[in-house]
Amino acid sequence: MMKIGQLSKSIDISTFTIRYYEKIGLLNQPLKDESGHRVYDKKDLELINWVTCLKKSGMSLERIKEYTKAYRNDEDNKVAKLLELHLQKLKTQQIDLQHYIDVTVKKLKNLKNRLT
């Protein structure tokens, strides 16, 4: 079990963000210790890490909320469908990014050739 400050440091997101995610329903309200401090377990850590990954990879908070609700309710078919949709979006972005990289490399090569 760890407190919110320890959790925040271990996953490199602010305590404010963790509390916000709890407030909007992405995360369950955590257990509290005898002093009333939030405490988190390994399962909480895993879910917060995954929420952070989904957010950083472009999934909307509303879609993440849908995902976490399905995850907590063991709705595996819904979880799988949401992840499949997200994966398809990421693959499309990957193709687009590779195109942008290729164009940038070509432009840079042309520029370097003109400079020499």
Protein backbone atom coordinates (compact mmCIF):
# COMPACT_ATOMS: atom_id res chain seq x y z
CA MET A 1 0.00 0.00 0.00
CA MET A 2 1.23 3.51 -0.75
CA LYS A 3 0.01 7.03 -0.18
CA ILE A 4 -0.85 9.45 -2.96
CA GLY A 5 2.55 11.18 -2.84
CA GLN A 6 4.39 7.89 -3.24
CA LEU A 7 2.05 6.86 -6.05
CA SER A 8 2.53 10.20 -7.78
CA LYS A 9 6.32 9.87 -7.70
CA SER A 10 6.29 6.24 -8.82
CA ILE A 11 4.27 6.96 -11.96
CA ASP A 12 5.38 10.56 -12.54
CA ILE A 13 2.00 12.27 -12.53
CA SER A 14 0.85 14.90 -10.10
CA THR A 15 -1.28 14.25 -7.05
CA PHE A 16 -3.67 16.83 -8.53
CA THR A 17 -4.09 14.68 -11.64
CA ILE A 18 -4.70 11.55 -9.57
CA ARG A 19 -7.37 13.36 -7.53
CA TYR A 20 -8.91 14.77 -10.71
CA TYR A 21 -9.09 11.30 -12.27
CA GLU A 22 -10.85 10.09 -9.12
CA LYS A 23 -13.23 13.06 -9.17
CA ILE A 24 -14.34 12.49 -12.78
CA GLY A 25 -14.72 8.75 -12.30
CA LEU A 26 -11.73 7.42 -14.20
CA LEU A 27 -10.53 5.85 -10.97
CA ASN A 28 -12.40 4.51 -7.99
CA GLN A 29 -12.24 6.44 -4.77
CA PRO A 30 -9.27 4.95 -2.94
CA LEU A 31 -9.24 3.31 0.43
CA LYS A 32 -8.16 5.49 3.35
CA ASP A 33 -5.88 4.65 6.24
CA GLU A 34 -6.58 5.32 9.91
CA SER A 35 -5.43 8.93 9.46
CA GLY A 36 -7.76 9.50 6.52
CA HIS A 37 -4.97 9.51 3.91
CA ARG A 38 -5.62 7.94 0.53
CA VAL A 39 -3.87 4.59 0.10
CA TYR A 40 -3.36 2.70 -3.13
CA ASP A 41 -2.50 -0.90 -3.88
CA LYS A 42 -0.81 -2.65 -6.79
CA LYS A 43 -4.06 -2.90 -8.75
CA ASP A 44 -4.63 0.86 -8.39
CA LEU A 45 -1.08 1.50 -9.59
CA GLU A 46 -1.59 -0.73 -12.62
CA LEU A 47 -4.85 0.98 -13.57
CA ILE A 48 -3.45 4.50 -13.15
CA ASN A 49 -0.43 3.55 -15.28
CA TRP A 50 -2.76 2.27 -17.98
CA VAL A 51 -4.99 5.36 -17.81
CA THR A 52 -1.86 7.50 -18.21
CA CYS A 53 -0.76 5.43 -21.20
CA LEU A 54 -4.18 5.73 -22.85
CA LYS A 55 -4.23 9.48 -22.25
CA LYS A 56 -0.73 10.00 -23.61
CA SER A 57 -1.57 7.94 -26.67
CA GLY A 58 -4.50 10.18 -27.50
CA MET A 59 -7.57 8.51 -26.03
CA SER A 60 -10.10 11.05 -24.79
CA LEU A 61 -10.91 11.21 -21.09
CA GLU A 62 -14.52 10.33 -21.89
CA ARG A 63 -13.41 7.17 -23.73
CA ILE A 64 -10.97 6.33 -20.91
CA LYS A 65 -13.84 6.68 -18.45
CA GLU A 66 -15.85 4.24 -20.56
CA TYR A 67 -12.87 1.88 -20.59
CA THR A 68 -12.23 2.02 -16.82
CA LYS A 69 -15.90 1.48 -16.05
CA ALA A 70 -16.00 -1.59 -18.28
CA TYR A 71 -12.69 -2.79 -16.79
CA ARG A 72 -13.95 -2.48 -13.22
CA ASN A 73 -17.18 -4.26 -14.16
CA ASP A 74 -15.29 -7.14 -15.84
CA GLU A 75 -16.96 -6.37 -19.18
CA ASP A 76 -14.17 -7.99 -21.17
CA ASN A 77 -15.94 -7.76 -24.54
CA LYS A 78 -16.43 -4.02 -24.14
CA VAL A 79 -12.85 -3.53 -22.92
CA ALA A 80 -11.57 -5.47 -25.93
CA LYS A 81 -13.72 -3.45 -28.35
CA LEU A 82 -12.52 -0.14 -26.91
CA LEU A 83 -8.89 -1.27 -27.11
CA GLU A 84 -9.34 -2.52 -30.67
CA LEU A 85 -10.74 0.86 -31.73
CA HIS A 86 -7.88 2.65 -30.02
CA LEU A 87 -5.30 0.34 -31.56
CA GLN A 88 -6.69 1.00 -35.02
CA LYS A 89 -6.46 4.74 -34.40
CA LEU A 90 -2.85 4.34 -33.23
CA LYS A 91 -1.95 2.31 -36.31
CA THR A 92 -3.42 5.02 -38.54
CA GLN A 93 -1.44 7.64 -36.64
CA GLN A 94 1.68 5.51 -37.02
CA ILE A 95 1.23 5.42 -40.80
CA ASP A 96 0.68 9.18 -40.87
CA LEU A 97 3.72 9.80 -38.67
CA GLN A 98 5.91 7.63 -40.86
CA HIS A 99 4.81 9.65 -43.88
CA TYR A 100 5.67 12.91 -42.08
CA ILE A 101 9.05 11.49 -41.07
CA ASP A 102 9.78 10.41 -44.64
CA VAL A 103 8.86 13.83 -46.04
CA THR A 104 10.93 15.62 -43.40
CA VAL A 105 13.96 13.38 -44.03
CA LYS A 106 13.67 14.05 -47.77
CA LYS A 107 13.38 17.83 -47.25
CA LEU A 108 16.33 17.83 -44.87
CA LYS A 109 18.44 15.77 -47.27
CA ASN A 110 17.63 18.18 -50.12
CA LEU A 111 18.51 21.16 -47.94
CA LYS A 112 21.82 19.60 -46.85
CA ASN A 113 22.67 18.83 -50.49
CA ARG A 114 22.12 22.50 -51.40
CA LEU A 115 24.35 23.61 -48.52
CA THR A 116 27.32 21.52 -49.63
